Amino acid sequence: MESVRMYRTAPLGKRPRWWTELPLIAVVYGLYSAGRLLVRGDVQPAVDHGLAILDLEKTFRINFEHPLNRLFTDHPALGIPADFAYASLHYLLTPAILVWLFRRRPAEYRLQRSWLMISTLIGLIGFTLLPTCPPRLLDAGEGFVDTMAQYGSYGWWGGEASAPRGLGGMTNQYAAMPSLHVGWALWCGVVLWRQGRTPWAKAAGVVYPLAITLVVMGTANHYFLDALAGAAVMVAGLLLAKPALRLADLVKSRLTGARRGETAGTPANVSGGCETSAGTALSRAAASGPAAGDGRPGAPQRPFEADARDQIPRQPAPGTADDARTGDAAAAAR
């Protein structure tokens, strides 16, 4: 018997809608891309930052990008696939997993999307405050080879990072710190590990971020500390994602409540312009209920008619028993 797999679904009112998600993602990615371009300025500060990072790594012997770059340079069987991975997976796998979450895990989509976006914006702050020259653009005396340029004839990229030939001016090559290649790969890995249902998905969740970390260093696009900074940015984004969602829900609920309050402040006209006193108002049950007939079985029932005498208290008429009792009491008092 084929097993039935159950998935968590979001409540109907909280399911994401593509016509609101697409503009939001486009705005964030537009800010990310524009920010990378806007911080392009003097190259020398970026080179100085790159050299400072490299010196720090050498001090602690964690400059792993040096041996990896030599390995990828000497072995095209490693270098060429690494260049293809660097130039494509970052832009293909990340949105693919985002769409998969949207369709198959709607209850988790909003949190994971917010995590990715907040981390990306934090990374943009890093690009702005700390422009950094990647290892491949340092002086050749530092011992790095630009594999993207070395194997450029095998792919669509040129010597300007992963941009297609002729479009290098549309990217900022000095936005190396932090490495969002590593950060986005870590996001993909966590999502695959937590939301995947097969061993293959969970294995990919472990292998993919580790492989991308090796790729960015082996191609001399990032330092090891860039990779660590990319992971730190994702941790910060994860910590901020839930508070950001709570704040967004609070703002949304208050705006919705204000609109409802404006609507409720306008009374509905239900009497057709006629005024009805409280004493003569009929309940819905009395107006629609069956009225008394003539007592015969099957006799047609007359609609119930409101009588003012049934609603307005009546004063006792003169000469009634109530007056007699009042007179007797007065005589006894005398």
Protein backbone atom coordinates (compact mmCIF):
# COMPACT_ATOMS: atom_id res chain seq x y z
CA MET A 1 0.00 0.00 0.00
CA GLU A 2 1.35 3.41 -0.95
CA SER A 3 1.98 5.54 2.10
CA VAL A 4 0.33 8.93 2.37
CA ARG A 5 2.67 11.74 3.40
CA MET A 6 1.25 14.58 5.43
CA TYR A 7 2.62 18.11 5.21
CA ARG A 8 2.08 21.00 7.52
CA THR A 9 -0.08 23.62 5.90
CA ALA A 10 -0.44 27.24 6.89
CA PRO A 11 -3.78 28.57 8.17
CA LEU A 12 -5.86 29.88 5.31
CA GLY A 13 -5.49 33.49 6.40
CA LYS A 14 -1.69 33.26 6.69
CA ARG A 15 -0.82 31.43 3.50
CA PRO A 16 1.61 33.40 1.36
CA ARG A 17 0.33 34.89 -1.85
CA TRP A 18 2.58 35.06 -4.87
CA TRP A 19 1.37 38.50 -5.93
CA THR A 20 2.66 39.95 -2.65
CA GLU A 21 5.79 37.79 -2.39
CA LEU A 22 7.24 38.51 -5.83
CA PRO A 23 7.37 42.32 -5.40
CA LEU A 24 8.84 41.93 -1.91
CA ILE A 25 11.61 39.61 -3.09
CA ALA A 26 12.27 41.83 -6.10
CA VAL A 27 12.64 44.92 -3.89
CA VAL A 28 15.07 43.22 -1.51
CA TYR A 29 17.17 41.77 -4.33
CA GLY A 30 17.11 45.13 -6.07
CA LEU A 31 18.43 46.82 -2.93
CA TYR A 32 21.10 44.14 -2.63
CA SER A 33 22.25 44.57 -6.23
CA ALA A 34 22.06 48.36 -6.19
CA GLY A 35 23.93 48.52 -2.90
CA ARG A 36 26.76 46.44 -4.30
CA LEU A 37 27.09 48.88 -7.18
CA LEU A 38 26.77 52.05 -5.12
CA VAL A 39 29.71 51.21 -2.87
CA ARG A 40 32.09 51.01 -5.81
CA GLY A 41 34.61 53.72 -5.16
CA ASP A 42 38.31 53.97 -4.63
CA VAL A 43 39.92 50.56 -5.07
CA GLN A 44 42.78 51.17 -2.65
CA PRO A 45 40.72 50.89 0.59
CA ALA A 46 39.31 47.58 -0.67
CA VAL A 47 42.82 46.29 -1.43
CA ASP A 48 44.02 47.39 2.01
CA HIS A 49 41.15 45.54 3.68
CA GLY A 50 41.89 42.41 1.67
CA LEU A 51 45.57 42.47 2.64
CA ALA A 52 44.67 43.03 6.28
CA ILE A 53 42.37 40.00 6.25
CA LEU A 54 45.05 37.88 4.59
CA ASP A 55 47.69 38.97 7.12
CA LEU A 56 45.34 38.10 9.98
CA GLU A 57 44.73 34.65 8.51
CA LYS A 58 48.45 34.05 8.10
CA THR A 59 48.99 35.00 11.72
CA PHE A 60 46.63 32.26 12.87
CA ARG A 61 47.53 29.90 9.99
CA ILE A 62 43.99 29.75 8.68
CA ASN A 63 44.69 31.00 5.13
CA PHE A 64 43.13 27.85 3.63
CA GLU A 65 42.42 29.66 0.36
CA HIS A 66 46.11 29.41 -0.64
CA PRO A 67 46.41 25.60 -0.94
CA LEU A 68 42.87 25.27 -2.31
CA ASN A 69 43.55 27.81 -5.04
CA ARG A 70 46.72 25.99 -6.06
CA LEU A 71 44.77 22.72 -6.18
CA PHE A 72 42.03 24.17 -8.41
CA THR A 73 44.57 25.88 -10.63
CA ASP A 74 46.68 22.78 -11.18
CA HIS A 75 43.72 20.45 -11.79
CA PRO A 76 41.17 21.65 -14.35
CA ALA A 77 38.93 18.71 -13.42
CA LEU A 78 38.38 20.53 -10.12
CA GLY A 79 38.74 24.13 -11.21
CA ILE A 80 36.27 24.12 -14.12
CA PRO A 81 33.32 22.55 -12.21
CA ALA A 82 34.10 24.87 -9.31
CA ASP A 83 33.83 27.90 -11.59
CA PHE A 84 30.52 26.65 -12.98
CA ALA A 85 29.22 26.11 -9.46
CA TYR A 86 30.31 29.57 -8.34
CA ALA A 87 28.76 31.27 -11.35
CA SER A 88 25.39 29.48 -11.32
CA LEU A 89 24.22 27.69 -8.16
CA HIS A 90 24.07 30.85 -6.09
CA TYR A 91 21.45 32.24 -8.47
CA LEU A 92 19.61 29.02 -9.32
CA LEU A 93 19.40 26.79 -6.27
CA THR A 94 18.52 29.50 -3.75
CA PRO A 95 15.38 30.75 -5.56
CA ALA A 96 14.45 27.16 -6.44
CA ILE A 97 14.37 26.19 -2.77
CA LEU A 98 12.43 29.36 -1.98
CA VAL A 99 9.77 28.40 -4.55
CA TRP A 100 9.69 24.84 -3.19
CA LEU A 101 9.04 26.19 0.30
CA PHE A 102 6.28 28.42 -1.05
CA ARG A 103 4.51 25.50 -2.70
CA ARG A 104 5.21 22.57 -0.40
CA ARG A 105 5.91 24.10 3.03
CA PRO A 106 3.71 27.21 3.26
CA ALA A 107 3.70 27.07 7.06
CA GLU A 108 7.51 27.45 7.09
CA TYR A 109 7.90 29.70 4.08
CA ARG A 110 7.36 33.06 5.76
CA LEU A 111 10.00 32.50 8.45
CA GLN A 112 12.58 31.09 6.05
CA ARG A 113 12.00 33.87 3.53
CA SER A 114 12.37 36.51 6.24
CA TRP A 115 15.56 34.86 7.46
CA LEU A 116 17.09 34.97 3.98
CA MET A 117 16.07 38.57 3.30
CA ILE A 118 17.21 39.99 6.63
CA SER A 119 20.57 38.23 6.29
CA THR A 120 20.98 39.61 2.78
CA LEU A 121 20.36 43.16 4.00
CA ILE A 122 22.88 42.68 6.80
CA GLY A 123 25.39 41.49 4.21
CA LEU A 124 24.72 44.67 2.23
CA ILE A 125 25.74 46.68 5.29
CA GLY A 126 29.00 44.73 5.36
CA PHE A 127 29.68 45.49 1.69
CA THR A 128 29.09 49.18 2.38
CA LEU A 129 31.20 49.50 5.52
CA LEU A 130 34.00 47.14 4.54
CA PRO A 131 34.68 46.96 0.79
CA THR A 132 37.16 44.13 0.33
CA CYS A 133 39.32 43.06 -2.56
CA PRO A 134 39.02 39.29 -3.22
CA PRO A 135 42.22 37.21 -3.29
CA ARG A 136 42.14 36.80 -7.08
CA LEU A 137 42.45 40.56 -7.60
CA LEU A 138 45.41 41.05 -5.28
CA ASP A 139 48.90 41.48 -6.64
CA ALA A 140 50.26 38.29 -8.20
CA GLY A 141 52.96 38.27 -5.57
CA GLU A 142 50.40 37.20 -2.99
CA GLY A 143 50.25 33.78 -4.71
CA PHE A 144 46.67 33.66 -6.04
CA VAL A 145 45.45 32.76 -9.54
CA ASP A 146 42.07 33.91 -10.87
CA THR A 147 40.51 30.62 -11.95
CA MET A 148 37.48 32.44 -13.39
CA ALA A 149 39.82 34.07 -15.88
CA GLN A 150 41.95 30.95 -16.34
CA TYR A 151 38.98 28.77 -17.31
CA GLY A 152 36.80 31.54 -18.76
CA SER A 153 36.79 29.95 -22.21
CA TYR A 154 34.77 27.01 -20.81
CA GLY A 155 31.89 29.12 -19.53
CA TRP A 156 29.87 32.29 -20.01
CA TRP A 157 31.76 34.34 -17.46
CA GLY A 158 34.69 36.62 -18.14
CA GLY A 159 37.44 37.79 -15.87
CA GLU A 160 35.08 39.87 -13.75
CA ALA A 161 33.70 37.49 -11.12
CA SER A 162 30.66 35.47 -12.22
CA ALA A 163 29.19 38.15 -14.50
CA PRO A 164 28.68 37.15 -18.15
CA ARG A 165 31.17 38.53 -20.63
CA GLY A 166 30.59 42.18 -21.33
CA LEU A 167 28.48 42.71 -18.20
CA GLY A 168 31.28 43.05 -15.67
CA GLY A 169 30.40 46.71 -15.16
CA MET A 170 27.08 45.63 -13.61
CA THR A 171 28.72 43.95 -10.63
CA ASN A 172 30.95 45.04 -7.78
CA GLN A 173 34.02 42.86 -7.56
CA TYR A 174 35.07 44.38 -4.24
CA ALA A 175 32.09 43.09 -2.23
CA ALA A 176 33.86 40.09 -0.76
CA MET A 177 33.11 40.59 2.95
CA PRO A 178 30.92 38.82 3.98
CA SER A 179 30.55 35.94 1.51
CA LEU A 180 26.86 35.64 0.73
CA HIS A 181 27.71 32.72 -1.54
CA VAL A 182 28.50 30.86 1.68
CA GLY A 183 25.63 32.51 3.57
CA TRP A 184 22.96 31.59 1.03
CA ALA A 185 24.40 28.09 0.70
CA LEU A 186 24.13 27.69 4.48
CA TRP A 187 20.49 28.82 4.31
CA CYS A 188 19.82 26.23 1.58
CA GLY A 189 21.52 23.54 3.65
CA VAL A 190 19.51 24.26 6.80
CA VAL A 191 16.24 24.30 4.85
CA LEU A 192 17.03 21.02 3.12
CA TRP A 193 18.05 19.40 6.40
CA ARG A 194 15.01 20.56 8.36
CA GLN A 195 12.33 20.40 5.67
CA GLY A 196 13.58 17.58 3.49
CA ARG A 197 11.89 14.21 3.95
CA THR A 198 14.44 11.94 2.29
CA PRO A 199 18.00 10.98 3.25
CA TRP A 200 19.18 12.45 -0.05
CA ALA A 201 17.75 15.85 0.80
CA LYS A 202 19.35 15.83 4.23
CA ALA A 203 22.68 14.73 2.77
CA ALA A 204 22.50 17.58 0.24
CA GLY A 205 21.81 19.94 3.13
CA VAL A 206 25.17 19.01 4.63
CA VAL A 207 27.25 18.70 1.47
CA TYR A 208 26.11 21.81 -0.38
CA PRO A 209 27.25 24.54 2.06
CA LEU A 210 30.55 22.75 2.68
CA ALA A 211 31.16 22.40 -1.07
CA ILE A 212 30.40 26.07 -1.73
CA THR A 213 32.78 27.09 1.05
CA LEU A 214 35.56 25.15 -0.67
CA VAL A 215 34.56 26.57 -4.06
CA VAL A 216 34.69 30.23 -3.04
CA MET A 217 38.15 29.78 -1.55
CA GLY A 218 39.53 27.52 -4.28
CA THR A 219 38.47 29.97 -7.00
CA ALA A 220 40.12 32.79 -5.01
CA ASN A 221 36.88 34.73 -4.78
CA HIS A 222 36.82 34.83 -0.98
CA TYR A 223 39.02 34.47 2.07
CA PHE A 224 38.30 31.97 4.81
CA LEU A 225 37.27 34.84 7.09
CA ASP A 226 34.79 35.95 4.41
CA ALA A 227 33.18 32.53 4.67
CA LEU A 228 33.01 32.77 8.46
CA ALA A 229 31.49 36.23 8.18
CA GLY A 230 28.86 34.88 5.77
CA ALA A 231 27.88 32.21 8.30
CA ALA A 232 27.77 34.82 11.10
CA VAL A 233 25.47 37.02 9.00
CA MET A 234 23.06 34.11 8.58
CA VAL A 235 23.05 33.46 12.33
CA ALA A 236 22.23 37.12 12.96
CA GLY A 237 19.46 37.02 10.36
CA LEU A 238 17.96 33.91 11.96
CA LEU A 239 17.92 35.57 15.39
CA LEU A 240 16.16 38.63 13.96
CA ALA A 241 13.66 36.82 11.74
CA LYS A 242 11.04 35.97 14.38
CA PRO A 243 11.09 39.41 16.08
CA ALA A 244 10.78 41.01 12.64
CA LEU A 245 7.75 38.85 11.84
CA ARG A 246 6.11 39.69 15.17
CA LEU A 247 6.65 43.39 14.51
CA ALA A 248 5.22 43.07 11.01
CA ASP A 249 2.16 41.21 12.35
CA LEU A 250 1.65 43.87 15.04
CA VAL A 251 1.78 46.71 12.54
CA LYS A 252 -0.56 44.84 10.20
CA SER A 253 -3.08 44.10 12.97
CA ARG A 254 -3.13 47.72 14.10
CA LEU A 255 -3.63 49.00 10.58
CA THR A 256 -6.41 46.45 10.04
CA GLY A 257 -8.02 47.40 13.37
CA ALA A 258 -7.92 51.08 12.45
CA ARG A 259 -9.68 50.39 9.16
CA ARG A 260 -12.31 48.28 10.90
CA GLY A 261 -12.83 51.04 13.46
CA GLU A 262 -13.48 53.57 10.71
CA THR A 263 -16.00 51.20 9.14
CA ALA A 264 -17.71 50.51 12.47
CA GLY A 265 -18.00 54.26 13.22
CA THR A 266 -20.57 54.68 10.41
CA PRO A 267 -23.96 53.26 11.60
CA ALA A 268 -25.89 51.18 9.15
CA ASN A 269 -29.35 52.44 8.10
CA VAL A 270 -31.61 49.48 8.74
CA SER A 271 -34.95 51.23 9.32
CA GLY A 272 -35.45 52.75 5.89
CA GLY A 273 -35.63 56.27 7.36
CA CYS A 274 -38.34 55.43 9.93
CA GLU A 275 -37.82 55.98 13.63
CA THR A 276 -38.80 53.19 15.99
CA SER A 277 -39.14 53.60 19.72
CA ALA A 278 -37.75 51.06 22.13
CA GLY A 279 -41.19 50.20 23.43
CA THR A 280 -42.61 49.32 20.05
CA ALA A 281 -39.66 47.40 18.58
CA LEU A 282 -40.44 43.84 17.61
CA SER A 283 -37.98 41.00 18.05
CA ARG A 284 -37.12 38.94 14.99
CA ALA A 285 -38.63 35.86 16.58
CA ALA A 286 -41.93 37.60 17.33
CA ALA A 287 -42.16 39.07 13.86
CA SER A 288 -41.45 35.81 12.08
CA GLY A 289 -43.12 33.33 14.42
CA PRO A 290 -46.58 31.78 13.82
CA ALA A 291 -49.58 33.72 15.15
CA ALA A 292 -52.78 32.35 16.69
CA GLY A 293 -55.50 31.27 14.28
CA ASP A 294 -59.20 30.64 14.86
CA GLY A 295 -58.55 27.44 16.80
CA ARG A 296 -59.66 25.03 14.09
CA PRO A 297 -57.21 22.40 12.78
CA GLY A 298 -55.79 23.45 9.46
CA ALA A 299 -57.10 26.99 9.81
CA PRO A 300 -54.90 29.57 8.11
CA GLN A 301 -52.71 31.44 10.48
CA ARG A 302 -52.93 35.22 10.58
CA PRO A 303 -49.67 37.14 10.76
CA PHE A 304 -48.91 38.54 14.17
CA GLU A 305 -49.69 42.24 14.39
CA ALA A 306 -48.09 44.49 16.95
CA ASP A 307 -50.55 46.19 19.29
CA ALA A 308 -49.48 49.28 21.17
CA ARG A 309 -51.53 48.04 24.14
CA ASP A 310 -49.18 45.08 24.45
CA GLN A 311 -46.17 47.35 24.77
CA ILE A 312 -47.38 50.55 26.57
CA PRO A 313 -48.47 50.30 30.26
CA ARG A 314 -52.16 51.20 30.68
CA GLN A 315 -53.53 53.49 33.41
CA PRO A 316 -56.44 52.08 35.47
CA ALA A 317 -59.83 53.52 34.41
CA PRO A 318 -61.94 55.48 36.94
CA GLY A 319 -64.46 53.42 38.85
CA THR A 320 -62.59 50.20 38.71
CA ALA A 321 -61.76 47.87 41.56
CA ASP A 322 -58.47 49.62 42.02
CA ASP A 323 -60.30 52.89 42.81
CA ALA A 324 -62.58 51.12 45.28
CA ARG A 325 -59.64 49.67 47.15
CA THR A 326 -58.03 53.10 47.28
CA GLY A 327 -61.24 54.68 48.71
CA ASP A 328 -61.60 52.03 51.42
CA ALA A 329 -58.01 52.63 52.51
CA ALA A 330 -58.60 56.38 52.79
CA ALA A 331 -61.78 55.87 54.89
CA ALA A 332 -59.97 53.56 57.27
CA ALA A 333 -57.25 56.14 57.70
CA ARG A 334 -59.82 58.78 58.72
